[in-house]
Protein backbone atom coordinates (compact mmCIF):
# COMPACT_ATOMS: atom_id res chain seq x y z
CA MET A 1 -21.65 30.93 -10.76
CA SER A 2 -19.12 28.25 -9.78
CA THR A 3 -19.09 29.75 -6.26
CA ASP A 4 -22.87 29.21 -6.01
CA ILE A 5 -22.48 25.57 -7.08
CA GLU A 6 -19.68 25.08 -4.57
CA LEU A 7 -21.76 26.60 -1.77
CA GLU A 8 -24.71 24.40 -2.68
CA LEU A 9 -22.45 21.34 -2.65
CA TRP A 10 -21.11 22.30 0.78
CA ARG A 11 -24.65 22.85 2.07
CA GLN A 12 -25.69 19.38 0.85
CA GLN A 13 -22.62 17.80 2.44
CA TRP A 14 -23.32 19.61 5.72
CA GLN A 15 -26.92 18.37 5.70
CA GLU A 16 -25.86 14.83 4.87
CA GLU A 17 -23.18 14.85 7.55
CA ASP A 18 -25.64 16.30 10.04
CA SER A 19 -28.05 13.41 9.34
CA ILE A 20 -25.63 10.80 10.68
CA PRO A 21 -26.77 9.66 14.13
CA ALA A 22 -24.14 10.62 16.70
CA ASP A 23 -23.91 7.12 18.18
CA LEU A 24 -23.41 5.61 14.71
CA ARG A 25 -20.62 8.09 13.96
CA ARG A 26 -18.96 7.36 17.31
CA THR A 27 -19.24 3.62 16.76
CA VAL A 28 -17.66 3.83 13.30
CA GLU A 29 -14.86 6.09 14.52
CA CYS A 30 -14.20 3.84 17.53
CA HIS A 31 -14.08 0.76 15.31
CA SER A 32 -11.71 2.55 12.92
CA ARG A 33 -9.37 3.25 15.84
CA ARG A 34 -9.60 -0.39 16.94
CA MET A 35 -8.73 -1.54 13.41
CA LYS A 36 -5.61 0.67 13.46
CA ILE A 37 -4.65 -0.60 16.92
CA GLY A 38 -5.23 -4.14 15.63
CA LEU A 39 -2.74 -3.53 12.82
CA VAL A 40 -0.17 -2.29 15.33
CA GLY A 41 -0.84 -5.38 17.46
CA ASP A 42 -0.51 -7.67 14.45
CA THR A 43 2.80 -6.01 13.59
CA LEU A 44 4.08 -6.51 17.14
CA VAL A 45 3.03 -10.17 17.09
CA THR A 46 4.83 -10.61 13.76
CA VAL A 47 8.02 -9.03 15.07
CA VAL A 48 7.98 -10.88 18.40
CA MET A 49 6.84 -14.31 17.16
CA GLY A 50 8.54 -14.29 13.77
CA GLY A 51 11.70 -12.64 15.03
CA GLY A 52 11.76 -14.70 18.21
CA THR A 53 11.45 -18.06 16.50
CA THR A 54 13.95 -17.04 13.82
CA THR A 55 16.46 -15.98 16.47
CA TRP A 56 15.81 -19.21 18.37
CA ALA A 57 16.41 -21.24 15.19
CA VAL A 58 19.64 -19.39 14.38
CA LEU A 59 21.02 -19.77 17.91
CA SER A 60 19.86 -23.37 18.39
CA LYS A 61 21.81 -26.41 17.31
CA ASP A 62 18.55 -28.36 16.94
CA SER A 63 17.36 -28.42 13.32
CA GLY A 64 13.81 -29.02 14.56
CA ILE A 65 13.68 -25.41 15.76
CA ALA A 66 14.06 -24.26 12.14
CA VAL A 67 10.79 -26.10 11.41
CA VAL A 68 9.11 -24.07 14.16
CA ALA A 69 10.44 -20.82 12.67
CA ILE A 70 9.27 -21.75 9.17
CA ALA A 71 5.83 -22.78 10.45
CA THR A 72 5.57 -19.56 12.46
CA TRP A 73 6.31 -17.42 9.40
CA LEU A 74 3.84 -19.49 7.35
CA PHE A 75 1.06 -18.96 9.90
CA LEU A 76 1.92 -15.24 10.12
CA ALA A 77 1.83 -14.87 6.32
CA ILE A 78 -1.56 -16.60 6.15
CA ALA A 79 -2.93 -14.36 8.92
CA TRP A 80 -1.61 -11.17 7.26
CA ALA A 81 -2.99 -12.17 3.86
CA TYR A 82 -6.39 -12.78 5.43
CA VAL A 83 -6.44 -9.55 7.48
CA LEU A 84 -5.44 -7.39 4.53
CA THR A 85 -7.99 -9.09 2.27
CA VAL A 86 -10.95 -9.04 4.66
CA ASN A 87 -10.40 -5.39 5.64
CA ARG A 88 -10.11 -4.12 2.06
CA GLY A 89 -12.57 -1.28 1.54
CA LEU A 90 -13.58 -1.16 5.21
CA TRP A 91 -11.38 1.66 6.44
CA ARG A 92 -13.73 4.59 5.79
CA PRO A 93 -17.26 5.17 4.49
CA MET A 94 -17.74 5.77 0.75
CA ALA A 95 -19.58 9.03 1.48
CA VAL A 96 -20.39 11.17 4.49
CA ASP A 97 -24.01 10.20 4.99
CA ALA A 98 -25.89 7.89 7.31
CA ALA A 99 -26.43 5.18 4.68
CA SER A 100 -22.69 4.97 3.95
CA PHE A 101 -21.85 4.77 7.66
CA VAL A 102 -24.39 1.95 8.10
CA ASP A 103 -23.11 0.12 4.99
CA LEU A 104 -19.54 0.39 6.30
CA SER A 105 -20.64 -0.96 9.69
CA ILE A 106 -22.47 -3.85 8.01
CA GLY A 107 -19.37 -4.65 5.95
CA ARG A 108 -17.19 -4.60 9.06
CA CYS A 109 -19.64 -6.79 10.93
CA ARG A 110 -19.71 -9.35 8.11
CA ALA A 111 -15.90 -9.30 7.99
CA ALA A 112 -15.80 -9.93 11.75
CA LEU A 113 -18.13 -12.92 11.37
CA LYS A 114 -15.90 -14.36 8.62
CA THR A 115 -12.88 -13.76 10.82
CA VAL A 116 -14.41 -15.86 13.59
CA TRP A 117 -14.30 -18.89 11.30
CA PHE A 118 -10.81 -18.06 10.07
CA ALA A 119 -9.50 -17.57 13.62
CA GLY A 120 -10.97 -20.92 14.70
CA ILE A 121 -9.41 -22.78 11.79
CA LEU A 122 -6.03 -21.05 12.20
CA PHE A 123 -6.05 -21.76 15.95
CA VAL A 124 -6.71 -25.46 15.36
CA ALA A 125 -3.95 -25.65 12.74
CA GLU A 126 -1.43 -23.87 14.98
CA THR A 127 -2.36 -25.99 17.99
CA ALA A 128 -2.14 -29.22 15.98
CA PHE A 129 1.30 -28.23 14.70
CA GLY A 130 2.51 -27.16 18.14
CA LEU A 131 1.30 -30.30 19.89
CA SER A 132 2.68 -32.56 17.14
CA TRP A 133 6.06 -30.86 17.29
CA ALA A 134 6.13 -30.94 21.11
CA TYR A 135 5.25 -34.65 21.19
CA LEU A 136 7.87 -35.59 18.59
CA HIS A 137 10.53 -33.60 20.45
CA SER A 138 9.66 -34.80 23.95
CA ASP A 139 11.09 -37.71 25.85
CA VAL A 140 7.62 -38.96 26.80
CA GLN A 141 7.32 -42.75 26.68
CA THR A 142 3.51 -42.89 26.67
CA GLY A 143 1.28 -43.04 23.62
CA VAL A 144 0.08 -39.89 21.93
CA TRP A 145 -3.51 -40.12 23.23
CA ARG A 146 -2.38 -40.62 26.79
CA TRP A 147 0.05 -37.71 26.42
CA LEU A 148 -2.69 -35.47 24.98
CA LEU A 149 -5.09 -36.28 27.80
CA PHE A 150 -3.52 -34.73 30.86
CA GLY A 151 -0.01 -35.89 29.98
CA SER A 152 1.57 -32.77 31.45
CA PHE A 153 0.73 -29.41 32.92
CA ARG A 154 1.73 -27.73 29.63
CA VAL A 155 -0.74 -29.84 27.67
CA ASP A 156 -3.42 -29.05 30.24
CA ILE A 157 -2.73 -25.33 29.67
CA VAL A 158 -3.21 -25.87 25.92
CA TRP A 159 -6.62 -27.48 26.50
CA GLY A 160 -7.66 -24.77 28.96
CA THR A 161 -6.59 -22.07 26.50
CA THR A 162 -8.49 -23.85 23.71
CA VAL A 163 -11.71 -23.91 25.73
CA ALA A 164 -11.31 -20.22 26.65
CA PHE A 165 -10.47 -19.25 23.05
CA PHE A 166 -13.48 -21.00 21.51
CA GLY A 167 -15.76 -19.76 24.30
CA GLY A 168 -14.59 -16.23 23.48
CA LEU A 169 -15.14 -16.82 19.76
CA LEU A 170 -18.71 -18.02 20.35
CA TRP A 171 -19.46 -14.99 22.56
CA TYR A 172 -17.96 -12.61 19.98
CA ARG A 173 -19.88 -14.26 17.11
CA SER A 174 -23.15 -13.97 19.04
CA LYS A 175 -22.45 -10.28 19.77
CA LYS A 176 -21.67 -9.57 16.09
CA CYS A 177 -24.80 -11.42 14.91
CA ARG A 178 -26.96 -9.22 17.18
CA GLU A 179 -25.12 -6.12 15.94
CA LEU A 180 -25.69 -7.14 12.31
CA VAL A 181 -29.44 -7.50 12.88
CA ARG A 182 -29.50 -4.05 14.50
CA LEU A 183 -27.59 -2.55 11.56
CA PHE A 184 -29.94 -4.13 9.02
CA ASN A 185 -32.89 -2.64 10.92
CA LEU A 186 -31.19 0.75 10.94
CA ARG A 187 -30.51 0.54 7.20
CA ASP A 188 -34.16 -0.37 6.55
CA GLN A 189 -35.22 2.63 8.63
CA ILE A 190 -32.94 4.97 6.64
CA VAL A 191 -34.28 3.62 3.33
CA LEU A 192 -37.84 4.08 4.60
CA ASN A 193 -37.10 7.68 5.65
CA VAL A 194 -35.53 8.44 2.27
CA ASP A 195 -38.57 6.99 0.49
CA LYS A 196 -40.87 9.17 2.61
CA GLY A 197 -38.68 12.20 1.86
CA VAL A 198 -37.76 12.74 5.53
């Protein structure tokens, strides 16, 4: 009798798994791979940036470099805490059915939209620290506003990077908003089909 129950359970799982649209499954699996690659990338950034600034501080005779290393580790710790918190529960679907795959995708999409705000705030904080430190440790004789506005090629690169970064964030946010609407429509369609008994 337990064999019959087990076979019935497997049949139900097979039917549920078979009901997942192929493109939805591929999208979820692709995003799962990207999340894993993102963790590897975050680890590399931590090792290179954290280790690099720490090595620089140890080898340097300038005590101001230690401030850079401490700030780098602080920013890295904040970023890691956020990434681990926002991705909690978003690694795999709760069940192997279409509704769970859609719910997971919606959760990931919402997390991505929150991350846009976090990334913008963190970028501004890091840039403000970096520019402040660079100005205080430069031999520039001009005022801070004059230095910030085309004071050097390096500062110009910071402003160009800032424009590109926030342009990319706006594009990514718009893409994720459209994706979220599509996922809500898909979830509504699945609920409707379940209600009709399809």
